[in-house]
Every structure is written in structure tokens, then in C-alpha cells.
């Protein structure tokens, strides 16, 4: 990774982390908030197929695997651990389906 790309990813991560913290402040620190943030991040990655600034940077900083693990440890809940993975994979898959549908519709409209 070049220095330029590292700076781009770093700026995106900083903004994503601030967006996550703002969301937590707005909705309150809870399992539900962290889960919603992670589901939204996974959906956006699947739907948008964005570049390094958005995927690795912003969405990587916005969604928070470390917070998820801390909350799972604090709750000592295997159900939370498993459900988070299932919901996030489902959100990514749904985003991927939406992306493919929109791409095909766009290609059809251009033809």
C-alpha cells in the first residue's frame, strides 16, 4: 500500500469512527446500537462496492468488530456472538444482491 492510499484509508477510518461514536451517542451504548451499526456497515460494503476510502477506511472505522467482541465478552452470550455474525453476513449478502440488481438495471437502461 502506498503512503497516499494509507492516508486515504486513515482519513476514512477517522471519519467512520467519529460517525460510529456519534451514532452511539445518539442511540445510546447498547448491543442493539452496535449491532445496527455493524449491520449497516456490512450492507453498505455489499451494496456499494466502494473503494479504499469507504470500504477499508470509513466503513471499517464505522463498523466495530472490537466493540462487538467486548460487548460479547461482557454479556458472556454465545447467542449474541452467533446472531451478530448471522445478521452481518445476511446484511452483506442483501447488499450484494441490491448492488447486482441496480447494476443490471443500469446496464439495461443504457442498452
Protein backbone atom coordinates (compact mmCIF):
# COMPACT_ATOMS: atom_id res chain seq x y z
CA UNK A 1 0.00 0.00 0.00
CA UNK A 2 1.38 3.40 -0.92
CA UNK A 3 1.62 6.27 1.54
CA UNK A 4 -1.13 8.06 -0.38
CA UNK A 5 -3.51 5.09 -0.03
CA UNK A 6 -2.60 4.69 3.65
CA UNK A 7 -3.51 8.34 4.26
CA UNK A 8 -6.77 7.95 2.33
CA UNK A 9 -7.71 4.88 4.38
CA UNK A 10 -6.68 6.62 7.62
CA UNK A 11 -8.83 9.66 6.87
CA UNK A 12 -11.78 7.43 6.06
CA UNK A 13 -11.28 5.43 9.27
CA UNK A 14 -11.14 8.60 11.36
CA UNK A 15 -14.41 9.84 9.86
CA UNK A 16 -16.03 6.42 10.22
CA UNK A 17 -15.02 6.21 13.88
CA UNK A 18 -16.49 9.64 14.52
CA UNK A 19 -19.70 8.61 12.76
CA UNK A 20 -19.87 5.46 14.91
CA UNK A 21 -19.35 7.45 18.10
CA UNK A 22 -22.00 9.96 17.03
CA UNK A 23 -24.43 7.13 16.38
CA UNK A 24 -23.69 5.60 19.79
CA UNK A 25 -24.24 8.99 21.45
CA UNK A 26 -27.49 9.45 19.54
CA UNK A 27 -28.93 5.97 20.10
CA UNK A 28 -27.20 5.05 23.35
CA UNK A 29 -24.47 2.49 24.04
CA UNK A 30 -26.15 -0.90 23.75
CA UNK A 31 -25.97 -4.24 21.99
CA UNK A 32 -28.71 -3.07 19.64
CA UNK A 33 -26.80 0.07 18.64
CA UNK A 34 -23.57 -1.82 17.94
CA UNK A 35 -25.46 -4.49 16.03
CA UNK A 36 -27.29 -1.88 13.91
CA UNK A 37 -24.02 -0.10 13.16
CA UNK A 38 -22.34 -3.34 12.11
CA UNK A 39 -25.32 -4.46 10.01
CA UNK A 40 -25.42 -1.07 8.24
CA UNK A 41 -21.68 -1.23 7.59
CA UNK A 42 -21.91 -4.75 6.15
CA UNK A 43 -24.88 -3.82 3.97
CA UNK A 44 -23.07 -0.73 2.65
CA UNK A 45 -19.96 -2.73 1.79
CA UNK A 46 -22.07 -5.27 -0.10
CA UNK A 47 -24.30 -2.72 -1.83
CA UNK A 48 -21.82 -0.03 -2.81
CA UNK A 49 -18.59 -1.93 -3.57
CA UNK A 50 -16.75 1.26 -2.60
CA UNK A 51 -13.01 1.89 -2.84
CA UNK A 52 -10.34 2.06 -0.11
CA UNK A 53 -11.58 5.31 1.47
CA UNK A 54 -15.08 3.94 2.02
CA UNK A 55 -14.56 0.17 2.42
CA UNK A 56 -11.39 -0.17 4.45
CA UNK A 57 -11.45 3.36 5.83
CA UNK A 58 -14.87 4.81 6.61
CA UNK A 59 -16.91 1.61 6.84
CA UNK A 60 -14.07 -0.20 8.62
CA UNK A 61 -13.97 2.60 11.19
CA UNK A 62 -17.76 2.85 11.38
CA UNK A 63 -18.44 -0.82 11.97
CA UNK A 64 -16.65 -2.10 15.01
CA UNK A 65 -15.52 -5.66 15.46
CA UNK A 66 -13.61 -4.78 18.61
CA UNK A 67 -16.66 -3.21 20.28
CA UNK A 68 -18.69 -6.26 19.26
CA UNK A 69 -16.17 -8.58 20.93
CA UNK A 70 -16.01 -6.52 24.12
CA UNK A 71 -19.80 -6.44 24.38
CA UNK A 72 -19.97 -10.19 23.74
CA UNK A 73 -17.39 -10.80 26.47
CA UNK A 74 -19.24 -8.55 28.91
CA UNK A 75 -22.54 -10.28 28.20
CA UNK A 76 -20.96 -13.73 28.14
CA UNK A 77 -23.51 -14.55 25.48
CA UNK A 78 -22.89 -17.07 22.75
CA UNK A 79 -26.29 -16.16 21.29
CA UNK A 80 -25.16 -12.56 20.74
CA UNK A 81 -21.91 -13.74 19.19
CA UNK A 82 -23.66 -16.04 16.72
CA UNK A 83 -26.57 -13.72 15.92
CA UNK A 84 -24.25 -10.80 15.14
CA UNK A 85 -22.31 -12.89 12.63
CA UNK A 86 -25.50 -14.20 11.01
CA UNK A 87 -27.13 -10.75 10.78
CA UNK A 88 -23.99 -9.11 9.41
CA UNK A 89 -23.41 -11.82 6.80
CA UNK A 90 -27.08 -11.56 5.84
CA UNK A 91 -26.81 -7.77 5.53
CA UNK A 92 -23.72 -8.07 3.34
CA UNK A 93 -25.46 -10.67 1.15
CA UNK A 94 -28.57 -8.48 0.84
CA UNK A 95 -26.36 -5.51 -0.06
CA UNK A 96 -24.61 -7.61 -2.69
CA UNK A 97 -27.98 -8.63 -4.19
CA UNK A 98 -29.11 -4.98 -4.25
CA UNK A 99 -25.83 -3.96 -5.92
CA UNK A 100 -26.20 -6.62 -8.63
CA UNK A 101 -29.85 -5.69 -9.23
CA UNK A 102 -29.02 -1.98 -9.57
CA UNK A 103 -26.06 -2.73 -11.84
CA UNK A 104 -28.21 -4.88 -14.15
CA UNK A 105 -30.96 -2.24 -14.22
CA UNK A 106 -28.40 0.43 -15.07
CA UNK A 107 -26.88 -1.71 -17.85
CA UNK A 108 -30.36 -2.43 -19.24
CA UNK A 109 -31.25 1.27 -19.21
CA UNK A 110 -28.06 2.14 -21.10
CA UNK A 111 -28.69 -0.50 -23.78
